[in-house]
Amino acid sequence: MLRHHVPARVAVAGVIAAVLALTGAVLVARGSRTATVGESVPDSYIKADFPNSDSTGVPAGNDLSPYDGPCTVTADGTVIDAKSVNCPSGLAVQAADVTIRNSSVKGHVRLDPDSPAYDGSWTVTVTDSEIDAGEVQVAALCCGNMTVTRADLHGGVTAAQCEELSDYCLIRDSWLHGQYLPDDQPWHLGGFLSDGTAGPACTGTWCIELVHNTIACDHAVNSVQNGCTGDINFIPNFAPIRKVRVHNNFLRAHSGLAYCTFGGDKVGSPHTGATDLVYQDNVFERGPTKICGAYGAVTSFNPRNAGNAWTGNRYDDGTVVPPS
């Protein structure tokens, strides 16, 4: 069962009333010392090599042939290599050690740990590929047990989504962007979403790792005042957020974006209190609002929770981003 949790999102127009206002910390740790909020960091902290259209998706020179396999993959060890995949209703992964590489996929890709058929073994690796979910109210790539490298993920309401029953999600060197939103629908969009990471299957050091990606929610607010929640959204609707590493990502700015990231706590949720949530050395684009999103760069992150850390995060002009 692929779930899109519409009530979990926060519309731009009503976001202030729906998020947890954080107070307290006025200092941000950076490396081995502490930097006062507002202090500029050296230019050397700013990197210009974040993923884009040139460094993600199918590498140039690959000659793709049509994919003639099933749109529900049930054979362990299936490899989809240098293929043009067209599955309008989605490519479902229901097997272990499935690999998608050097390929273009039209239609969303889903590995759903909530499925009645799930036996705990399903995994998918996506490398040097493009997934274009198109005009659907689901994530382009969902919902866990995934390793993703140099992928171009777009379409749908969220580029990538990892859910509470997943063992792990690792996304690196990838470009998450280009969401879809009808003009008259109350949908809420994002670059990356997790509704919880406390499932019993998450036993490693990290449940989720986002490493060196460009992550954007770049759709304008529509006529019913709905649009982008955030680039990276940790919203504990079904389980607490825990054991997450967000390292060296570029979070794109947009005036229709509420905040660039939601940091794991939520007013009214029984699962609030994110732990072991680490944001390190990420770059937040200032953009037209000068604070990344319409209301700020980050909300709902509590630096006092056990294991939480906010270090080395800065705007693209080098100024330190505070954790609230």
Protein backbone atom coordinates (compact mmCIF):
# COMPACT_ATOMS: atom_id res chain seq x y z
CA MET A 1 0.00 0.00 0.00
CA LEU A 2 1.65 3.22 -1.15
CA ARG A 3 0.63 6.03 1.12
CA HIS A 4 0.70 9.73 0.46
CA HIS A 5 -0.02 11.39 3.78
CA VAL A 6 -1.71 14.60 2.74
CA PRO A 7 -2.65 15.63 6.33
CA ALA A 8 1.03 15.48 7.24
CA ARG A 9 1.95 18.45 5.14
CA VAL A 10 1.74 22.09 6.10
CA ALA A 11 0.49 24.62 3.55
CA VAL A 12 2.49 27.80 3.14
CA ALA A 13 -0.47 29.98 4.09
CA GLY A 14 -0.94 28.25 7.46
CA VAL A 15 2.53 27.12 8.35
CA ILE A 16 3.24 29.45 11.27
CA ALA A 17 0.35 28.05 13.32
CA ALA A 18 1.28 24.46 12.58
CA VAL A 19 4.99 24.23 13.42
CA LEU A 20 6.87 24.13 16.69
CA ALA A 21 8.61 27.42 17.50
CA LEU A 22 12.06 26.72 18.89
CA THR A 23 13.82 28.98 21.37
CA GLY A 24 17.07 28.93 23.24
CA ALA A 25 20.32 28.34 21.40
CA VAL A 26 22.05 31.46 20.17
CA LEU A 27 25.33 29.80 19.39
CA VAL A 28 26.05 27.32 16.64
CA ALA A 29 28.87 24.80 16.89
CA ARG A 30 31.09 24.69 13.84
CA GLY A 31 33.98 22.27 13.70
CA SER A 32 36.03 22.43 16.91
CA ARG A 33 34.87 25.90 17.97
CA THR A 34 31.66 27.86 18.42
CA ALA A 35 30.53 30.61 16.06
CA THR A 36 28.15 33.38 17.00
CA VAL A 37 25.00 33.41 14.93
CA GLY A 38 25.41 35.86 12.07
CA GLU A 39 29.18 35.45 11.87
CA SER A 40 30.49 34.82 8.38
CA VAL A 41 32.45 31.68 7.67
CA PRO A 42 35.40 31.54 5.27
CA ASP A 43 34.74 31.28 1.53
CA SER A 44 36.42 27.87 1.62
CA TYR A 45 33.33 26.51 3.39
CA ILE A 46 31.21 27.19 0.31
CA LYS A 47 31.38 24.50 -2.37
CA ALA A 48 30.17 24.92 -5.95
CA ASP A 49 30.14 21.26 -6.90
CA PHE A 50 26.62 20.30 -5.87
CA PRO A 51 24.68 17.93 -8.15
CA ASN A 52 22.74 19.27 -11.13
CA SER A 53 21.53 18.15 -14.55
CA ASP A 54 25.10 17.64 -15.75
CA SER A 55 26.12 15.27 -12.96
CA THR A 56 22.97 13.22 -12.36
CA GLY A 57 20.70 10.99 -14.40
CA VAL A 58 21.73 8.84 -17.34
CA PRO A 59 25.36 9.55 -18.30
CA ALA A 60 25.93 11.00 -21.76
CA GLY A 61 26.61 8.42 -24.45
CA ASN A 62 24.36 5.70 -23.08
CA ASP A 63 22.18 4.10 -25.75
CA LEU A 64 18.98 3.08 -24.02
CA SER A 65 16.87 0.19 -25.23
CA PRO A 66 13.18 -0.30 -24.36
CA TYR A 67 12.47 -2.14 -21.13
CA ASP A 68 10.26 -5.16 -21.79
CA GLY A 69 10.14 -6.53 -18.26
CA PRO A 70 7.25 -6.41 -15.79
CA CYS A 71 6.18 -3.21 -14.04
CA THR A 72 5.98 -5.21 -10.81
CA VAL A 73 9.43 -6.70 -10.19
CA THR A 74 9.26 -9.89 -8.11
CA ALA A 75 12.49 -11.67 -9.11
CA ASP A 76 15.38 -11.24 -6.67
CA GLY A 77 18.53 -9.82 -8.22
CA THR A 78 16.77 -8.13 -11.15
CA VAL A 79 19.01 -5.65 -12.97
CA ILE A 80 17.55 -2.92 -15.18
CA ASP A 81 20.54 -1.50 -17.04
CA ALA A 82 20.60 1.04 -19.89
CA LYS A 83 16.84 0.81 -20.35
CA SER A 84 14.04 3.22 -21.17
CA VAL A 85 11.30 2.19 -18.74
CA ASN A 86 7.70 3.26 -19.28
CA CYS A 87 5.38 2.21 -16.46
CA PRO A 88 2.58 4.81 -16.27
CA SER A 89 1.16 3.31 -13.07
CA GLY A 90 4.60 3.00 -11.50
CA LEU A 91 7.41 0.49 -11.27
CA ALA A 92 6.85 -1.60 -8.14
CA VAL A 93 9.84 -3.28 -6.47
CA GLN A 94 8.80 -6.42 -4.59
CA ALA A 95 12.09 -8.34 -4.50
CA ALA A 96 15.55 -8.28 -2.97
CA ASP A 97 18.64 -6.73 -4.57
CA VAL A 98 16.90 -4.96 -7.44
CA THR A 99 19.17 -2.59 -9.37
CA ILE A 100 18.22 0.29 -11.67
CA ARG A 101 21.24 1.85 -13.36
CA ASN A 102 21.99 3.98 -16.42
CA SER A 103 18.25 4.07 -17.11
CA SER A 104 15.38 6.46 -17.63
CA VAL A 105 12.12 5.63 -15.84
CA LYS A 106 8.80 7.23 -16.79
CA GLY A 107 6.52 6.64 -13.83
CA HIS A 108 7.21 6.58 -10.10
CA VAL A 109 9.24 3.82 -8.47
CA ARG A 110 7.95 2.30 -5.23
CA LEU A 111 9.24 -0.19 -2.72
CA ASP A 112 6.55 -0.25 -0.08
CA PRO A 113 7.33 -1.80 3.34
CA ASP A 114 3.63 -1.35 4.21
CA SER A 115 2.58 -3.79 1.51
CA PRO A 116 0.92 -7.00 2.78
CA ALA A 117 3.36 -8.89 0.54
CA TYR A 118 6.45 -7.34 2.16
CA ASP A 119 8.69 -9.98 3.76
CA GLY A 120 11.51 -7.73 4.97
CA SER A 121 13.90 -8.55 2.14
CA TRP A 122 13.02 -6.04 -0.56
CA THR A 123 15.79 -3.60 -1.54
CA VAL A 124 16.52 -1.32 -4.47
CA THR A 125 19.65 0.44 -5.69
CA VAL A 126 19.28 3.35 -8.12
CA THR A 127 22.45 4.64 -9.81
CA ASP A 128 23.04 7.10 -12.68
CA SER A 129 19.35 7.13 -13.55
CA GLU A 130 16.42 9.48 -14.01
CA ILE A 131 13.00 8.91 -12.46
CA ASP A 132 10.22 11.12 -13.79
CA ALA A 133 7.06 10.44 -11.81
CA GLY A 134 4.97 12.80 -13.90
CA GLU A 135 1.62 14.18 -12.81
CA VAL A 136 0.79 12.01 -9.79
CA GLN A 137 0.06 12.58 -6.10
CA VAL A 138 2.83 10.28 -4.90
CA ALA A 139 6.61 10.51 -4.49
CA ALA A 140 8.89 9.89 -7.46
CA LEU A 141 10.83 7.33 -5.39
CA CYS A 142 9.29 5.73 -2.31
CA CYS A 143 9.28 4.31 0.42
CA GLY A 144 12.49 2.77 1.81
CA ASN A 145 15.30 0.19 1.72
CA MET A 146 16.97 2.24 -0.98
CA THR A 147 20.48 3.26 -1.96
CA VAL A 148 20.49 6.10 -4.47
CA THR A 149 23.52 7.64 -6.20
CA ARG A 150 23.71 10.32 -8.91
CA ALA A 151 19.98 10.15 -9.61
CA ASP A 152 17.73 12.82 -11.10
CA LEU A 153 14.42 12.51 -9.24
CA HIS A 154 11.49 14.69 -10.23
CA GLY A 155 7.75 14.79 -10.77
CA GLY A 156 5.13 13.70 -8.27
CA VAL A 157 4.58 15.59 -5.02
CA THR A 158 7.92 14.66 -3.41
CA ALA A 159 11.13 13.62 -5.11
CA ALA A 160 11.96 10.93 -2.53
CA GLN A 161 10.17 9.56 0.52
CA CYS A 162 11.34 7.14 3.24
CA GLU A 163 8.87 5.74 5.73
CA GLU A 164 8.88 4.36 9.27
CA LEU A 165 9.05 0.65 8.40
CA SER A 166 12.10 1.09 6.19
CA ASP A 167 15.46 -0.43 7.19
CA TYR A 168 17.44 2.46 5.70
CA CYS A 169 17.55 5.13 3.03
CA LEU A 170 20.81 6.48 1.60
CA ILE A 171 20.61 9.22 -1.03
CA ARG A 172 23.85 10.82 -2.21
CA ASP A 173 25.17 12.94 -5.08
CA SER A 174 21.62 13.31 -6.42
CA TRP A 175 19.27 16.05 -7.64
CA LEU A 176 15.77 16.19 -6.13
CA HIS A 177 13.47 18.78 -7.72
CA GLY A 178 10.61 19.53 -10.12
CA GLN A 179 7.44 18.61 -8.23
CA TYR A 180 3.96 18.51 -9.78
CA LEU A 181 0.94 20.44 -8.48
CA PRO A 182 -2.44 21.03 -10.14
CA ASP A 183 -3.63 24.59 -9.85
CA ASP A 184 -6.80 23.72 -7.91
CA GLN A 185 -5.62 20.95 -5.58
CA PRO A 186 -4.70 21.26 -1.86
CA TRP A 187 -1.52 19.20 -2.16
CA HIS A 188 1.66 19.86 -0.22
CA LEU A 189 5.01 19.29 -1.87
CA GLY A 190 8.58 18.54 -0.81
CA GLY A 191 12.02 17.55 -1.96
CA PHE A 192 12.49 14.77 0.60
CA LEU A 193 10.00 13.45 3.19
CA SER A 194 10.05 11.11 6.14
CA ASP A 195 7.03 10.68 8.41
CA GLY A 196 9.03 8.67 10.96
CA THR A 197 12.12 6.49 11.28
CA ALA A 198 11.57 4.48 14.45
CA GLY A 199 10.54 1.16 12.96
CA PRO A 200 12.12 -2.02 14.38
CA ALA A 201 13.89 -2.68 11.09
CA CYS A 202 16.13 0.37 11.54
CA THR A 203 19.02 -1.12 13.53
CA GLY A 204 22.08 0.48 11.91
CA THR A 205 23.95 3.65 12.83
CA TRP A 206 21.65 5.72 10.63
CA CYS A 207 18.09 5.13 9.44
CA ILE A 208 18.39 7.86 6.80
CA GLU A 209 21.41 9.54 5.23
CA LEU A 210 21.20 12.46 2.81
CA VAL A 211 24.74 13.21 1.63
CA HIS A 212 25.85 15.78 -0.95
CA ASN A 213 22.59 16.32 -2.80
CA THR A 214 20.88 19.31 -4.32
CA ILE A 215 17.37 19.29 -2.88
CA ALA A 216 14.64 21.67 -3.99
CA CYS A 217 10.92 22.14 -3.77
CA ASP A 218 10.50 24.61 -6.58
CA HIS A 219 6.81 24.79 -7.49
CA ALA A 220 4.91 28.04 -7.02
CA VAL A 221 1.94 28.31 -4.67
CA ASN A 222 -1.25 27.50 -6.59
CA SER A 223 -4.63 29.22 -6.75
CA VAL A 224 -5.85 27.52 -3.53
CA GLN A 225 -2.72 28.62 -1.66
CA ASN A 226 -1.00 25.27 -1.46
CA GLY A 227 2.53 24.48 -2.51
CA CYS A 228 5.90 23.58 -1.05
CA THR A 229 6.30 22.63 2.58
CA GLY A 230 10.09 22.30 2.55
CA ASP A 231 13.10 20.97 0.71
CA ILE A 232 13.81 18.40 3.45
CA ASN A 233 10.85 17.41 5.65
CA PHE A 234 11.17 15.32 8.80
CA ILE A 235 7.62 15.31 10.17
CA PRO A 236 6.80 12.69 12.87
CA ASN A 237 3.29 11.72 11.89
CA PHE A 238 3.60 7.94 12.38
CA ALA A 239 6.77 7.46 14.40
CA PRO A 240 9.56 9.56 15.92
CA ILE A 241 12.37 10.85 13.76
CA ARG A 242 15.67 9.31 14.84
CA LYS A 243 19.10 8.30 13.57
CA VAL A 244 19.23 10.69 10.60
CA ARG A 245 22.30 12.31 9.03
CA VAL A 246 21.91 15.30 6.69
CA HIS A 247 25.41 16.18 5.48
CA ASN A 248 26.77 18.59 2.85
CA ASN A 249 23.55 19.18 0.92
CA PHE A 250 22.49 22.27 -1.02
CA LEU A 251 18.96 23.36 -0.06
CA ARG A 252 17.48 25.56 -2.78
CA ALA A 253 15.48 28.67 -1.97
CA HIS A 254 12.02 29.51 -3.26
CA SER A 255 9.54 32.23 -2.33
CA GLY A 256 6.70 29.66 -2.37
CA LEU A 257 8.52 27.40 0.09
CA ALA A 258 7.51 27.60 3.77
CA TYR A 259 10.84 26.58 5.35
CA CYS A 260 13.82 24.93 3.71
CA THR A 261 13.74 22.16 6.31
CA PHE A 262 11.39 20.83 8.99
CA GLY A 263 13.56 19.35 11.73
CA GLY A 264 11.74 16.42 13.25
CA ASP A 265 9.37 17.83 15.88
CA LYS A 266 5.70 18.67 15.38
CA VAL A 267 3.16 20.38 17.58
CA GLY A 268 0.46 17.91 18.65
CA SER A 269 2.19 14.77 17.40
CA PRO A 270 2.48 11.90 19.91
CA HIS A 271 5.83 11.13 18.26
CA THR A 272 7.53 14.49 18.73
CA GLY A 273 11.05 14.62 20.18
CA ALA A 274 13.46 13.76 17.35
CA THR A 275 16.74 12.22 18.51
CA ASP A 276 20.11 11.60 16.84
CA LEU A 277 19.17 14.00 14.04
CA VAL A 278 22.38 15.53 12.67
CA TYR A 279 22.56 18.44 10.22
CA GLN A 280 26.17 19.08 9.27
CA ASP A 281 27.86 21.35 6.69
CA ASN A 282 24.75 22.03 4.61
CA VAL A 283 24.37 25.12 2.41
CA PHE A 284 21.07 27.01 2.43
CA GLU A 285 20.45 29.25 -0.57
CA ARG A 286 19.24 32.70 0.53
CA GLY A 287 17.13 33.30 -2.57
CA PRO A 288 14.47 36.00 -3.03
CA THR A 289 13.37 36.05 0.63
CA LYS A 290 16.99 36.16 1.87
CA ILE A 291 16.11 33.44 4.42
CA CYS A 292 15.71 30.47 2.02
CA GLY A 293 11.95 29.97 2.51
CA ALA A 294 9.03 32.32 3.00
CA TYR A 295 9.32 32.08 6.79
CA GLY A 296 12.89 30.94 7.33
CA ALA A 297 15.53 28.33 6.73
CA VAL A 298 14.59 25.84 9.46
CA THR A 299 11.82 25.12 11.92
CA SER A 300 10.93 22.38 14.40
CA PHE A 301 14.54 21.38 15.12
CA ASN A 302 15.33 21.05 18.83
CA PRO A 303 19.08 21.14 19.56
CA ARG A 304 18.42 20.05 23.15
CA ASN A 305 17.07 16.62 22.20
CA ALA A 306 19.44 13.70 22.78
CA GLY A 307 21.96 13.25 20.00
CA ASN A 308 20.70 16.16 17.90
CA ALA A 309 23.40 18.32 16.33
CA TRP A 310 23.44 21.41 14.13
CA THR A 311 26.98 22.18 12.98
CA GLY A 312 28.57 24.06 10.09
CA ASN A 313 25.30 24.94 8.36
CA ARG A 314 25.45 28.22 6.45
CA TYR A 315 23.82 30.35 3.82
CA ASP A 316 25.37 30.52 0.37
CA ASP A 317 26.98 33.85 1.32
CA GLY A 318 28.85 32.15 4.17
CA THR A 319 26.67 33.40 7.05
CA VAL A 320 25.89 30.84 9.73
CA VAL A 321 22.31 29.51 9.81
CA PRO A 322 21.00 29.19 13.38
CA PRO A 323 19.00 26.07 14.30
CA SER A 324 15.70 27.87 14.81
